[in-house]
């Protein structure tokens, strides 16, 4: 059931998760009236969510026909990471000189509360920290458009990641790379920060594309 706040965002998340989990097959129609009834909302947030899904490449809107599912392919996933790489490398470069002592203290505080990344029970905490760090870097870039696009593409990949299972050691690797990025931010080194962010994005692009291809092969 959809809650009465941020309806379009919630509708987007529900439909995107269903598509990425394979519960809505490629080419199947997404009827506004049917979705509105199922999710107990009006057609307005449905339309807004479908437009966003179309922008993200999950849905195709055809003239005089309506919206249909356009499932992501491994190439789509790779392309999204290419865009993320360009956006986030620029963001961390800009953010490096804008990070305050309070920002760094906040990151250190969050980091101190995290458990062992090798512990599967701690995965959700590490995922939240991942999002918080990338979001703060995006905001501190000082470019609202850049920050908005980073969050959009990051959220899409997180929805897909939730449908897959990262290999053992992936969270530990992310933690190690995040530690390197944080250290470079503390040193206020834009070039090094950008290099480390590129390494981080490319590492998980390769891993994510591999996982996605394997999941397609097992479907």
N, C-alpha and C. Protein backbone atom coordinates (compact mmCIF):
# COMPACT_ATOMS: atom_id res chain seq x y z
N UNK A 1 0.85 -1.20 0.00
CA UNK A 1 0.00 0.00 0.00
C UNK A 1 0.89 1.25 0.00
N UNK A 2 0.55 2.24 -0.83
CA UNK A 2 1.31 3.47 -0.92
C UNK A 2 0.89 4.44 0.18
N UNK A 3 1.87 5.02 0.86
CA UNK A 3 1.58 6.01 1.89
C UNK A 3 1.27 7.37 1.25
N UNK A 4 0.55 8.25 1.96
CA UNK A 4 0.09 9.51 1.37
C UNK A 4 1.14 10.61 1.29
N UNK A 5 2.43 10.29 1.38
CA UNK A 5 3.47 11.29 1.26
C UNK A 5 4.41 10.91 0.13
N UNK A 6 4.90 11.92 -0.62
CA UNK A 6 5.82 11.69 -1.73
C UNK A 6 5.32 10.57 -2.64
N UNK A 7 4.09 10.70 -3.08
CA UNK A 7 3.46 9.62 -3.83
C UNK A 7 4.21 9.23 -5.10
N UNK A 8 4.62 10.23 -5.88
CA UNK A 8 5.30 9.92 -7.13
C UNK A 8 6.60 9.18 -6.87
N UNK A 9 7.34 9.58 -5.83
CA UNK A 9 8.59 8.90 -5.48
C UNK A 9 8.32 7.46 -5.08
N UNK A 10 7.29 7.25 -4.30
CA UNK A 10 6.97 5.90 -3.84
C UNK A 10 6.47 5.02 -4.99
N UNK A 11 5.66 5.60 -5.85
CA UNK A 11 5.18 4.86 -7.02
C UNK A 11 6.36 4.48 -7.90
N UNK A 12 7.27 5.42 -8.10
CA UNK A 12 8.47 5.16 -8.90
C UNK A 12 9.24 3.97 -8.32
N UNK A 13 9.47 3.99 -7.01
CA UNK A 13 10.26 2.94 -6.37
C UNK A 13 9.58 1.57 -6.50
N UNK A 14 8.26 1.55 -6.34
CA UNK A 14 7.52 0.29 -6.43
C UNK A 14 7.60 -0.29 -7.83
N UNK A 15 7.31 0.54 -8.84
CA UNK A 15 7.31 0.04 -10.22
C UNK A 15 8.72 -0.34 -10.67
N UNK A 16 9.71 0.50 -10.30
CA UNK A 16 11.09 0.21 -10.68
C UNK A 16 11.56 -1.11 -10.09
N UNK A 17 11.24 -1.34 -8.82
CA UNK A 17 11.63 -2.59 -8.16
C UNK A 17 10.99 -3.79 -8.84
N UNK A 18 9.73 -3.65 -9.24
CA UNK A 18 9.04 -4.76 -9.91
C UNK A 18 9.67 -5.06 -11.27
N UNK A 19 10.07 -4.01 -11.98
CA UNK A 19 10.70 -4.20 -13.29
C UNK A 19 12.06 -4.87 -13.11
N UNK A 20 12.85 -4.35 -12.17
CA UNK A 20 14.20 -4.86 -11.98
C UNK A 20 14.21 -6.28 -11.43
N UNK A 21 13.16 -6.63 -10.69
CA UNK A 21 13.05 -7.99 -10.16
C UNK A 21 12.47 -8.96 -11.18
N UNK A 22 12.07 -8.44 -12.34
CA UNK A 22 11.53 -9.30 -13.38
C UNK A 22 10.06 -9.63 -13.23
N UNK A 23 9.38 -8.95 -12.30
CA UNK A 23 7.95 -9.23 -12.11
C UNK A 23 7.09 -8.54 -13.18
N UNK A 24 7.68 -7.57 -13.86
CA UNK A 24 7.03 -6.96 -15.02
C UNK A 24 7.94 -7.20 -16.21
N UNK A 25 7.49 -7.98 -17.15
CA UNK A 25 8.31 -8.42 -18.25
C UNK A 25 8.50 -7.35 -19.32
N UNK A 26 9.59 -7.48 -20.03
CA UNK A 26 9.91 -6.55 -21.11
C UNK A 26 8.80 -6.53 -22.14
N UNK A 27 8.34 -5.32 -22.49
CA UNK A 27 7.28 -5.16 -23.47
C UNK A 27 5.89 -5.15 -22.89
N UNK A 28 5.75 -5.49 -21.61
CA UNK A 28 4.42 -5.51 -21.01
C UNK A 28 3.92 -4.09 -20.75
N UNK A 29 2.61 -3.85 -20.91
CA UNK A 29 2.07 -2.50 -20.74
C UNK A 29 1.99 -2.08 -19.28
N UNK A 30 2.11 -0.78 -19.05
CA UNK A 30 1.95 -0.20 -17.72
C UNK A 30 0.75 0.75 -17.82
N UNK A 31 -0.41 0.24 -17.50
CA UNK A 31 -1.65 0.99 -17.65
C UNK A 31 -1.89 1.89 -16.44
N UNK A 32 -2.08 3.18 -16.69
CA UNK A 32 -2.24 4.14 -15.61
C UNK A 32 -3.40 3.79 -14.69
N UNK A 33 -4.55 3.45 -15.28
CA UNK A 33 -5.74 3.15 -14.47
C UNK A 33 -5.52 1.92 -13.60
N UNK A 34 -4.91 0.91 -14.17
CA UNK A 34 -4.65 -0.33 -13.42
C UNK A 34 -3.67 -0.08 -12.28
N UNK A 35 -2.61 0.67 -12.57
CA UNK A 35 -1.61 0.99 -11.54
C UNK A 35 -2.20 1.84 -10.44
N UNK A 36 -3.02 2.81 -10.81
CA UNK A 36 -3.65 3.68 -9.82
C UNK A 36 -4.53 2.88 -8.87
N UNK A 37 -5.25 1.91 -9.43
CA UNK A 37 -6.13 1.07 -8.61
C UNK A 37 -5.31 0.16 -7.71
N UNK A 38 -4.27 -0.45 -8.26
CA UNK A 38 -3.44 -1.38 -7.49
C UNK A 38 -2.72 -0.68 -6.35
N UNK A 39 -2.21 0.52 -6.61
CA UNK A 39 -1.41 1.24 -5.62
C UNK A 39 -2.25 2.21 -4.78
N UNK A 40 -3.53 2.31 -5.10
CA UNK A 40 -4.45 3.15 -4.34
C UNK A 40 -4.03 4.62 -4.34
N UNK A 41 -3.72 5.12 -5.54
CA UNK A 41 -3.36 6.53 -5.72
C UNK A 41 -4.10 7.05 -6.95
N UNK A 42 -4.04 8.36 -7.16
CA UNK A 42 -4.63 8.93 -8.35
C UNK A 42 -3.69 8.70 -9.54
N UNK A 43 -4.15 9.07 -10.73
CA UNK A 43 -3.33 8.85 -11.92
C UNK A 43 -2.19 9.87 -12.04
N UNK A 44 -2.28 10.99 -11.31
CA UNK A 44 -1.25 12.03 -11.41
C UNK A 44 0.12 11.53 -10.97
N UNK A 45 0.28 10.94 -9.77
CA UNK A 45 1.61 10.43 -9.41
C UNK A 45 2.05 9.26 -10.28
N UNK A 46 1.08 8.52 -10.83
CA UNK A 46 1.42 7.43 -11.75
C UNK A 46 2.10 8.00 -13.00
N UNK A 47 1.49 9.05 -13.57
CA UNK A 47 2.07 9.68 -14.78
C UNK A 47 3.47 10.22 -14.49
N UNK A 48 3.62 10.89 -13.33
CA UNK A 48 4.92 11.47 -12.98
C UNK A 48 5.97 10.37 -12.83
N UNK A 49 5.60 9.28 -12.16
CA UNK A 49 6.53 8.17 -11.98
C UNK A 49 6.91 7.53 -13.31
N UNK A 50 5.94 7.37 -14.19
CA UNK A 50 6.22 6.76 -15.50
C UNK A 50 7.15 7.65 -16.34
N UNK A 51 6.97 8.96 -16.24
CA UNK A 51 7.87 9.87 -16.96
C UNK A 51 9.30 9.73 -16.45
N UNK A 52 9.44 9.62 -15.12
CA UNK A 52 10.78 9.46 -14.54
C UNK A 52 11.38 8.12 -14.93
N UNK A 53 10.57 7.09 -14.92
CA UNK A 53 11.04 5.77 -15.33
C UNK A 53 11.48 5.76 -16.79
N UNK A 54 10.76 6.52 -17.61
CA UNK A 54 11.14 6.64 -19.02
C UNK A 54 12.48 7.35 -19.15
N UNK A 55 12.67 8.40 -18.33
CA UNK A 55 13.93 9.11 -18.33
C UNK A 55 15.10 8.24 -17.91
N UNK A 56 14.82 7.27 -17.04
CA UNK A 56 15.86 6.37 -16.55
C UNK A 56 16.08 5.17 -17.47
N UNK A 57 15.24 5.05 -18.49
CA UNK A 57 15.42 3.97 -19.44
C UNK A 57 14.73 2.67 -19.08
N UNK A 58 13.93 2.68 -18.01
CA UNK A 58 13.22 1.47 -17.62
C UNK A 58 11.88 1.33 -18.34
N UNK A 59 11.36 2.44 -18.82
CA UNK A 59 10.05 2.46 -19.45
C UNK A 59 10.14 3.21 -20.77
N UNK A 60 9.38 2.74 -21.74
CA UNK A 60 9.28 3.44 -23.03
C UNK A 60 7.84 3.92 -23.19
N UNK A 61 7.68 5.21 -23.48
CA UNK A 61 6.35 5.77 -23.67
C UNK A 61 6.12 5.98 -25.16
N UNK A 62 5.14 5.25 -25.70
CA UNK A 62 4.86 5.30 -27.14
C UNK A 62 3.62 6.13 -27.41
N UNK A 63 3.72 6.94 -28.45
CA UNK A 63 2.61 7.82 -28.83
C UNK A 63 1.38 7.00 -29.17
N UNK A 64 0.25 7.40 -28.63
CA UNK A 64 -1.05 6.75 -28.86
C UNK A 64 -1.10 5.30 -28.39
N UNK A 65 -0.14 4.93 -27.55
CA UNK A 65 -0.15 3.56 -27.02
C UNK A 65 -0.01 3.54 -25.50
N UNK A 66 0.91 4.34 -24.99
CA UNK A 66 1.14 4.37 -23.55
C UNK A 66 2.51 3.84 -23.19
N UNK A 67 2.68 3.51 -21.91
CA UNK A 67 3.98 3.09 -21.40
C UNK A 67 4.11 1.57 -21.42
N UNK A 68 5.31 1.11 -21.77
CA UNK A 68 5.62 -0.31 -21.71
C UNK A 68 6.97 -0.48 -21.01
N UNK A 69 7.21 -1.67 -20.50
CA UNK A 69 8.46 -1.95 -19.79
C UNK A 69 9.60 -2.08 -20.79
N UNK A 70 10.69 -1.40 -20.50
CA UNK A 70 11.92 -1.53 -21.28
C UNK A 70 13.01 -1.95 -20.29
N UNK A 71 13.21 -3.23 -20.14
CA UNK A 71 14.15 -3.74 -19.15
C UNK A 71 15.58 -3.30 -19.47
N UNK A 72 16.36 -3.08 -18.43
CA UNK A 72 17.75 -2.74 -18.60
C UNK A 72 18.53 -3.93 -19.15
N UNK A 73 19.52 -3.64 -19.97
CA UNK A 73 20.45 -4.65 -20.47
C UNK A 73 21.81 -4.40 -19.82
N UNK A 74 22.74 -5.35 -19.92
CA UNK A 74 24.09 -5.10 -19.38
C UNK A 74 24.72 -3.84 -19.96
N UNK A 75 24.44 -3.56 -21.23
CA UNK A 75 24.98 -2.34 -21.86
C UNK A 75 24.39 -1.10 -21.19
N UNK A 76 23.08 -1.13 -20.87
CA UNK A 76 22.45 -0.01 -20.18
C UNK A 76 23.11 0.24 -18.83
N UNK A 77 23.35 -0.85 -18.09
CA UNK A 77 23.99 -0.73 -16.77
C UNK A 77 25.38 -0.12 -16.91
N UNK A 78 26.15 -0.59 -17.90
CA UNK A 78 27.49 -0.04 -18.13
C UNK A 78 27.41 1.44 -18.50
N UNK A 79 26.42 1.81 -19.32
CA UNK A 79 26.28 3.21 -19.71
C UNK A 79 25.93 4.11 -18.53
N UNK A 80 25.07 3.61 -17.64
CA UNK A 80 24.71 4.37 -16.45
C UNK A 80 25.93 4.62 -15.58
N UNK A 81 26.76 3.60 -15.42
CA UNK A 81 27.98 3.77 -14.63
C UNK A 81 28.96 4.73 -15.31
N UNK A 82 28.98 4.75 -16.64
CA UNK A 82 29.83 5.71 -17.34
C UNK A 82 29.42 7.14 -16.98
N UNK A 83 28.10 7.36 -16.95
CA UNK A 83 27.58 8.69 -16.59
C UNK A 83 27.89 8.99 -15.13
N UNK A 84 27.68 8.00 -14.26
CA UNK A 84 27.99 8.19 -12.84
C UNK A 84 29.46 8.55 -12.64
N UNK A 85 30.33 7.89 -13.38
CA UNK A 85 31.76 8.17 -13.26
C UNK A 85 32.06 9.63 -13.58
N UNK A 86 31.52 10.11 -14.70
CA UNK A 86 31.76 11.50 -15.09
C UNK A 86 31.20 12.47 -14.06
N UNK A 87 29.97 12.21 -13.59
CA UNK A 87 29.32 13.11 -12.64
C UNK A 87 30.01 13.11 -11.28
N UNK A 88 30.29 11.92 -10.76
CA UNK A 88 30.79 11.84 -9.39
C UNK A 88 32.27 12.22 -9.28
N UNK A 89 33.04 11.99 -10.33
CA UNK A 89 34.43 12.45 -10.31
C UNK A 89 34.50 13.97 -10.29
N UNK A 90 33.63 14.60 -11.06
CA UNK A 90 33.57 16.07 -11.06
C UNK A 90 33.07 16.57 -9.72
N UNK A 91 32.06 15.89 -9.17
CA UNK A 91 31.48 16.33 -7.89
C UNK A 91 32.51 16.29 -6.77
N UNK A 92 33.27 15.21 -6.67
CA UNK A 92 34.23 15.10 -5.57
C UNK A 92 35.38 16.10 -5.75
N UNK A 93 35.70 16.39 -6.99
CA UNK A 93 36.73 17.40 -7.27
C UNK A 93 36.28 18.78 -6.78
N UNK A 94 35.01 19.11 -7.05
CA UNK A 94 34.47 20.40 -6.61
C UNK A 94 34.25 20.42 -5.10
N UNK A 95 33.80 19.30 -4.56
CA UNK A 95 33.44 19.24 -3.14
C UNK A 95 34.66 19.29 -2.23
N UNK A 96 35.78 18.84 -2.73
CA UNK A 96 36.98 18.71 -1.91
C UNK A 96 37.32 20.01 -1.18
N UNK A 97 37.20 21.14 -1.86
CA UNK A 97 37.56 22.42 -1.25
C UNK A 97 36.40 23.03 -0.48
N UNK A 98 35.24 22.39 -0.52
CA UNK A 98 34.06 22.92 0.17
C UNK A 98 33.71 22.14 1.44
N UNK A 99 34.37 21.03 1.65
CA UNK A 99 34.09 20.25 2.86
C UNK A 99 34.54 21.01 4.09
N UNK A 100 33.65 21.10 5.06
CA UNK A 100 33.97 21.78 6.31
C UNK A 100 34.44 20.79 7.36
N UNK A 101 34.94 21.31 8.46
CA UNK A 101 35.33 20.43 9.57
C UNK A 101 34.11 19.67 10.09
N UNK A 102 32.96 20.35 10.06
CA UNK A 102 31.72 19.71 10.53
C UNK A 102 31.34 18.54 9.62
N UNK A 103 31.52 18.73 8.31
CA UNK A 103 31.22 17.65 7.37
C UNK A 103 32.10 16.43 7.65
N UNK A 104 33.38 16.67 7.82
CA UNK A 104 34.31 15.58 8.07
C UNK A 104 34.03 14.91 9.41
N UNK A 105 33.64 15.72 10.40
CA UNK A 105 33.29 15.15 11.71
C UNK A 105 32.04 14.28 11.60
N UNK A 106 31.10 14.71 10.77
CA UNK A 106 29.89 13.92 10.56
C UNK A 106 30.22 12.57 9.94
N UNK A 107 31.08 12.59 8.92
CA UNK A 107 31.50 11.35 8.27
C UNK A 107 32.21 10.44 9.26
N UNK A 108 33.13 11.02 10.05
CA UNK A 108 33.86 10.23 11.04
C UNK A 108 32.91 9.62 12.06
N UNK A 109 31.89 10.39 12.44
CA UNK A 109 30.91 9.90 13.41
C UNK A 109 30.11 8.73 12.88
N UNK A 110 29.70 8.84 11.62
CA UNK A 110 28.96 7.75 10.98
C UNK A 110 29.83 6.51 10.83
N UNK A 111 31.08 6.75 10.44
CA UNK A 111 32.02 5.65 10.23
C UNK A 111 32.26 4.89 11.54
N UNK A 112 32.37 5.64 12.64
CA UNK A 112 32.66 5.02 13.93
C UNK A 112 31.54 4.10 14.40
N UNK A 113 30.32 4.33 13.91
CA UNK A 113 29.17 3.52 14.33
C UNK A 113 28.97 2.27 13.49
N UNK A 114 29.77 2.14 12.44
CA UNK A 114 29.62 0.99 11.55
C UNK A 114 30.28 -0.24 12.14
N UNK A 115 29.69 -1.39 11.83
CA UNK A 115 30.26 -2.65 12.28
C UNK A 115 31.21 -3.22 11.25
N UNK A 116 31.55 -4.46 11.41
CA UNK A 116 32.46 -5.16 10.51
C UNK A 116 31.78 -5.33 9.14
N UNK A 117 32.39 -4.80 8.06
CA UNK A 117 31.76 -4.93 6.74
C UNK A 117 31.66 -6.39 6.26
N UNK A 118 32.44 -7.28 6.86
CA UNK A 118 32.37 -8.69 6.50
C UNK A 118 31.17 -9.38 7.13
N UNK A 119 30.53 -8.71 8.09
CA UNK A 119 29.37 -9.26 8.79
C UNK A 119 28.12 -8.95 7.97
N UNK A 120 27.46 -9.98 7.46
CA UNK A 120 26.27 -9.79 6.62
C UNK A 120 25.19 -9.00 7.33
N UNK A 121 25.16 -9.07 8.66
CA UNK A 121 24.14 -8.35 9.42
C UNK A 121 24.37 -6.84 9.41
N UNK A 122 25.57 -6.43 9.02
CA UNK A 122 25.91 -5.00 8.98
C UNK A 122 25.75 -4.39 7.59
N UNK A 123 25.34 -5.20 6.61
CA UNK A 123 25.30 -4.72 5.23
C UNK A 123 24.41 -3.49 5.05
N UNK A 124 23.25 -3.50 5.71
CA UNK A 124 22.32 -2.39 5.55
C UNK A 124 22.93 -1.08 6.07
N UNK A 125 23.65 -1.15 7.19
CA UNK A 125 24.32 0.04 7.72
C UNK A 125 25.37 0.57 6.75
N UNK A 126 26.13 -0.35 6.17
CA UNK A 126 27.16 0.07 5.22
C UNK A 126 26.54 0.65 3.95
N UNK A 127 25.43 0.09 3.52
CA UNK A 127 24.74 0.63 2.35
C UNK A 127 24.24 2.04 2.61
N UNK A 128 23.71 2.27 3.81
CA UNK A 128 23.24 3.62 4.18
C UNK A 128 24.40 4.60 4.25
N UNK A 129 25.53 4.14 4.78
CA UNK A 129 26.71 5.01 4.84
C UNK A 129 27.18 5.36 3.43
N UNK A 130 27.18 4.36 2.55
CA UNK A 130 27.54 4.57 1.14
C UNK A 130 26.71 5.70 0.55
N UNK A 131 25.39 5.60 0.73
CA UNK A 131 24.49 6.62 0.18
C UNK A 131 24.74 7.99 0.81
N UNK A 132 24.95 8.01 2.13
CA UNK A 132 25.16 9.28 2.84
C UNK A 132 26.43 9.97 2.36
N UNK A 133 27.50 9.20 2.17
CA UNK A 133 28.77 9.78 1.73
C UNK A 133 28.66 10.35 0.33
N UNK A 134 28.11 9.57 -0.59
CA UNK A 134 27.97 10.04 -1.97
C UNK A 134 27.02 11.24 -2.06
N UNK A 135 25.97 11.22 -1.25
CA UNK A 135 25.02 12.35 -1.25
C UNK A 135 25.69 13.62 -0.74
N UNK A 136 26.48 13.50 0.33
CA UNK A 136 27.15 14.68 0.88
C UNK A 136 28.16 15.25 -0.11
N UNK A 137 28.88 14.39 -0.78
CA UNK A 137 29.83 14.85 -1.81
C UNK A 137 29.07 15.58 -2.92
N UNK A 138 27.94 15.02 -3.33
CA UNK A 138 27.13 15.64 -4.38
C UNK A 138 26.66 17.03 -3.96
N UNK A 139 26.15 17.14 -2.75
CA UNK A 139 25.65 18.43 -2.25
C UNK A 139 26.78 19.44 -2.14
N UNK A 140 27.92 19.01 -1.62
CA UNK A 140 29.04 19.93 -1.41
C UNK A 140 29.74 20.31 -2.72
N UNK A 141 29.34 19.70 -3.82
CA UNK A 141 29.89 20.12 -5.11
C UNK A 141 29.48 21.56 -5.42
N UNK A 142 28.36 21.98 -4.81
CA UNK A 142 27.88 23.33 -5.05
C UNK A 142 27.08 23.48 -6.34
N UNK A 143 26.85 22.37 -7.02
CA UNK A 143 26.12 22.37 -8.29
C UNK A 143 24.84 21.55 -8.10
N UNK A 144 23.70 22.22 -8.00
CA UNK A 144 22.44 21.52 -7.70
C UNK A 144 22.04 20.55 -8.81
N UNK A 145 22.26 20.93 -10.06
CA UNK A 145 21.91 20.05 -11.18
C UNK A 145 22.77 18.80 -11.14
N UNK A 146 24.05 18.98 -10.92
CA UNK A 146 24.98 17.85 -10.83
C UNK A 146 24.57 16.92 -9.69
N UNK A 147 24.25 17.49 -8.54
CA UNK A 147 23.86 16.69 -7.37
C UNK A 147 22.58 15.91 -7.64
N UNK A 148 21.63 16.54 -8.29
CA UNK A 148 20.35 15.89 -8.57
C UNK A 148 20.53 14.69 -9.50
N UNK A 149 21.38 14.85 -10.52
CA UNK A 149 21.61 13.75 -11.46
C UNK A 149 22.38 12.60 -10.80
N UNK A 150 23.30 12.94 -9.92
CA UNK A 150 24.05 11.90 -9.20
C UNK A 150 23.10 11.04 -8.38
N UNK A 151 22.21 11.69 -7.65
CA UNK A 151 21.25 10.96 -6.81
C UNK A 151 20.33 10.11 -7.67
N UNK A 152 19.90 10.64 -8.80
CA UNK A 152 18.98 9.90 -9.68
C UNK A 152 19.62 8.61 -10.17
N UNK A 153 20.83 8.69 -10.70
CA UNK A 153 21.48 7.50 -11.23
C UNK A 153 21.91 6.55 -10.11
N UNK A 154 22.33 7.12 -8.97
CA UNK A 154 22.71 6.28 -7.84
C UNK A 154 21.51 5.48 -7.33
N UNK A 155 20.37 6.14 -7.21
CA UNK A 155 19.16 5.46 -6.73
C UNK A 155 18.74 4.33 -7.67
N UNK A 156 18.88 4.55 -8.96
CA UNK A 156 18.52 3.52 -9.93
C UNK A 156 19.40 2.29 -9.76
N UNK A 157 20.70 2.49 -9.58
CA UNK A 157 21.60 1.36 -9.40
C UNK A 157 21.39 0.67 -8.06
N UNK A 158 20.99 1.43 -7.03
CA UNK A 158 20.71 0.81 -5.74
C UNK A 158 19.47 -0.07 -5.81
N UNK A 159 18.47 0.36 -6.59
CA UNK A 159 17.29 -0.47 -6.79
C UNK A 159 17.65 -1.78 -7.47
N UNK A 160 18.53 -1.70 -8.46
CA UNK A 160 18.96 -2.91 -9.15
C UNK A 160 19.81 -3.77 -8.24
N UNK A 161 20.70 -3.15 -7.48
CA UNK A 161 21.56 -3.90 -6.56
C UNK A 161 20.73 -4.69 -5.55
N UNK A 162 19.62 -4.11 -5.11
CA UNK A 162 18.77 -4.77 -4.12
C UNK A 162 18.18 -6.08 -4.66
N UNK A 163 18.12 -6.21 -6.00
CA UNK A 163 17.56 -7.42 -6.59
C UNK A 163 18.64 -8.50 -6.81
N UNK A 164 19.91 -8.13 -6.59
CA UNK A 164 21.02 -9.05 -6.83
C UNK A 164 21.80 -9.25 -5.53
N UNK A 165 22.74 -10.15 -5.56
CA UNK A 165 23.55 -10.43 -4.38
C UNK A 165 25.01 -10.21 -4.74
N UNK A 166 25.64 -9.20 -4.12
CA UNK A 166 27.04 -8.95 -4.38
C UNK A 166 27.88 -10.12 -3.88
N UNK A 167 28.98 -10.37 -4.56
CA UNK A 167 29.86 -11.46 -4.17
C UNK A 167 30.50 -11.16 -2.82
N UNK A 168 30.94 -12.21 -2.15
CA UNK A 168 31.58 -12.05 -0.86
C UNK A 168 32.80 -11.15 -0.99
N UNK A 169 32.91 -10.20 -0.12
CA UNK A 169 34.03 -9.28 -0.14
C UNK A 169 33.72 -7.94 -0.79
N UNK A 170 32.57 -7.81 -1.47
CA UNK A 170 32.24 -6.57 -2.16
C UNK A 170 32.05 -5.42 -1.18
N UNK A 171 31.35 -5.67 -0.08
CA UNK A 171 31.12 -4.61 0.90
C UNK A 171 32.44 -4.21 1.56
N UNK A 172 33.30 -5.19 1.84
CA UNK A 172 34.61 -4.89 2.41
C UNK A 172 35.44 -4.04 1.46
N UNK A 173 35.37 -4.36 0.15
CA UNK A 173 36.10 -3.58 -0.85
C UNK A 173 35.57 -2.15 -0.92
N UNK A 174 34.24 -2.01 -0.89
CA UNK A 174 33.65 -0.66 -0.90
C UNK A 174 34.10 0.13 0.32
N UNK A 175 34.14 -0.52 1.48
CA UNK A 175 34.58 0.15 2.71
C UNK A 175 36.02 0.64 2.57
N UNK A 176 36.87 -0.20 2.01
CA UNK A 176 38.28 0.17 1.82
C UNK A 176 38.41 1.36 0.88
N UNK A 177 37.65 1.35 -0.21
CA UNK A 177 37.72 2.45 -1.17
C UNK A 177 37.13 3.73 -0.61
N UNK A 178 36.06 3.60 0.17
CA UNK A 178 35.49 4.78 0.82
C UNK A 178 36.48 5.41 1.79
N UNK A 179 37.21 4.57 2.52
CA UNK A 179 38.20 5.08 3.46
C UNK A 179 39.27 5.89 2.73
N UNK A 180 39.66 5.42 1.55
CA UNK A 180 40.66 6.14 0.76
C UNK A 180 40.12 7.49 0.29
N UNK A 181 38.87 7.50 -0.16
CA UNK A 181 38.25 8.75 -0.62
C UNK A 181 38.14 9.74 0.53
N UNK A 182 37.72 9.28 1.70
CA UNK A 182 37.59 10.16 2.87
C UNK A 182 38.95 10.74 3.25
N UNK A 183 39.99 9.93 3.21
CA UNK A 183 41.34 10.41 3.53
C UNK A 183 41.77 11.51 2.57
N UNK A 184 41.44 11.35 1.29
CA UNK A 184 41.82 12.37 0.30
C UNK A 184 41.03 13.65 0.49
N UNK A 185 39.77 13.52 0.93
CA UNK A 185 38.96 14.70 1.23
C UNK A 185 39.55 15.47 2.41
N UNK A 186 40.02 14.75 3.40
CA UNK A 186 40.62 15.38 4.58
C UNK A 186 41.90 16.14 4.21
N UNK A 187 42.60 15.64 3.18
CA UNK A 187 43.82 16.30 2.73
C UNK A 187 43.53 17.39 1.72
N UNK A 188 42.24 17.52 1.36
CA UNK A 188 41.82 18.54 0.39
C UNK A 188 42.62 18.43 -0.91
N UNK A 189 42.62 17.21 -1.45
CA UNK A 189 43.36 16.91 -2.68
C UNK A 189 42.37 16.57 -3.79
N UNK A 190 41.96 17.56 -4.59
CA UNK A 190 40.94 17.32 -5.63
C UNK A 190 41.34 16.27 -6.65
N UNK A 191 42.58 16.31 -7.12
CA UNK A 191 43.01 15.36 -8.15
C UNK A 191 43.00 13.92 -7.62
N UNK A 192 43.54 13.74 -6.43
CA UNK A 192 43.57 12.41 -5.82
C UNK A 192 42.15 11.92 -5.52
N UNK A 193 41.30 12.82 -5.05
CA UNK A 193 39.92 12.45 -4.75
C UNK A 193 39.19 11.99 -6.00
N UNK A 194 39.42 12.70 -7.10
CA UNK A 194 38.78 12.34 -8.37
C UNK A 194 39.30 10.99 -8.87
N UNK A 195 40.59 10.75 -8.75
CA UNK A 195 41.18 9.48 -9.17
C UNK A 195 40.59 8.31 -8.37
N UNK A 196 40.46 8.51 -7.06
CA UNK A 196 39.93 7.45 -6.20
C UNK A 196 38.45 7.20 -6.47
N UNK A 197 37.71 8.27 -6.76
CA UNK A 197 36.30 8.10 -7.08
C UNK A 197 36.14 7.34 -8.39
N UNK A 198 36.98 7.64 -9.37
CA UNK A 198 36.92 6.92 -10.65
C UNK A 198 37.22 5.44 -10.43
N UNK A 199 38.22 5.14 -9.64
CA UNK A 199 38.56 3.75 -9.33
C UNK A 199 37.38 3.05 -8.65
N UNK A 200 36.72 3.74 -7.73
CA UNK A 200 35.59 3.18 -6.99
C UNK A 200 34.41 2.89 -7.93
N UNK A 201 34.06 3.86 -8.75
CA UNK A 201 32.93 3.69 -9.67
C UNK A 201 33.21 2.59 -10.68
N UNK A 202 34.42 2.56 -11.22
CA UNK A 202 34.75 1.55 -12.24
C UNK A 202 34.76 0.15 -11.63
N UNK A 203 35.25 0.02 -10.41
CA UNK A 203 35.27 -1.28 -9.74
C UNK A 203 33.88 -1.87 -9.66
N UNK A 204 32.92 -1.03 -9.21
CA UNK A 204 31.58 -1.54 -9.02
C UNK A 204 30.76 -1.56 -10.31
N UNK A 205 31.19 -0.79 -11.30
CA UNK A 205 30.57 -0.91 -12.63
C UNK A 205 30.85 -2.30 -13.19
N UNK A 206 32.13 -2.71 -13.14
CA UNK A 206 32.52 -4.01 -13.67
C UNK A 206 31.81 -5.14 -12.91
N UNK A 207 31.74 -5.01 -11.59
CA UNK A 207 31.11 -6.03 -10.77
C UNK A 207 29.61 -6.11 -11.04
N UNK A 208 28.97 -4.94 -11.16
CA UNK A 208 27.53 -4.89 -11.35
C UNK A 208 27.13 -5.43 -12.72
N UNK A 209 27.88 -5.08 -13.75
CA UNK A 209 27.59 -5.58 -15.09
C UNK A 209 27.74 -7.10 -15.13
N UNK A 210 28.78 -7.62 -14.47
CA UNK A 210 28.99 -9.06 -14.41
C UNK A 210 27.82 -9.76 -13.72
N UNK A 211 27.39 -9.20 -12.59
CA UNK A 211 26.26 -9.76 -11.85
C UNK A 211 25.00 -9.76 -12.70
N UNK A 212 24.79 -8.65 -13.41
CA UNK A 212 23.58 -8.51 -14.21
C UNK A 212 23.56 -9.52 -15.35
N UNK A 213 24.71 -9.72 -15.98
CA UNK A 213 24.80 -10.72 -17.06
C UNK A 213 24.52 -12.13 -16.51
N UNK A 214 25.06 -12.39 -15.33
CA UNK A 214 24.83 -13.71 -14.72
C UNK A 214 23.37 -13.91 -14.37
N UNK A 215 22.73 -12.84 -13.88
CA UNK A 215 21.32 -12.95 -13.51
C UNK A 215 20.44 -13.17 -14.74
N UNK A 216 20.82 -12.54 -15.87
CA UNK A 216 20.10 -12.75 -17.12
C UNK A 216 20.25 -14.19 -17.61
N UNK A 217 21.47 -14.73 -17.43
CA UNK A 217 21.73 -16.10 -17.88
C UNK A 217 20.97 -17.13 -17.07
N UNK A 218 20.66 -16.76 -15.80
CA UNK A 218 19.95 -17.69 -14.93
C UNK A 218 18.43 -17.53 -15.00
N UNK A 219 17.99 -16.49 -15.74
CA UNK A 219 16.54 -16.21 -15.80
C UNK A 219 15.82 -17.26 -16.62
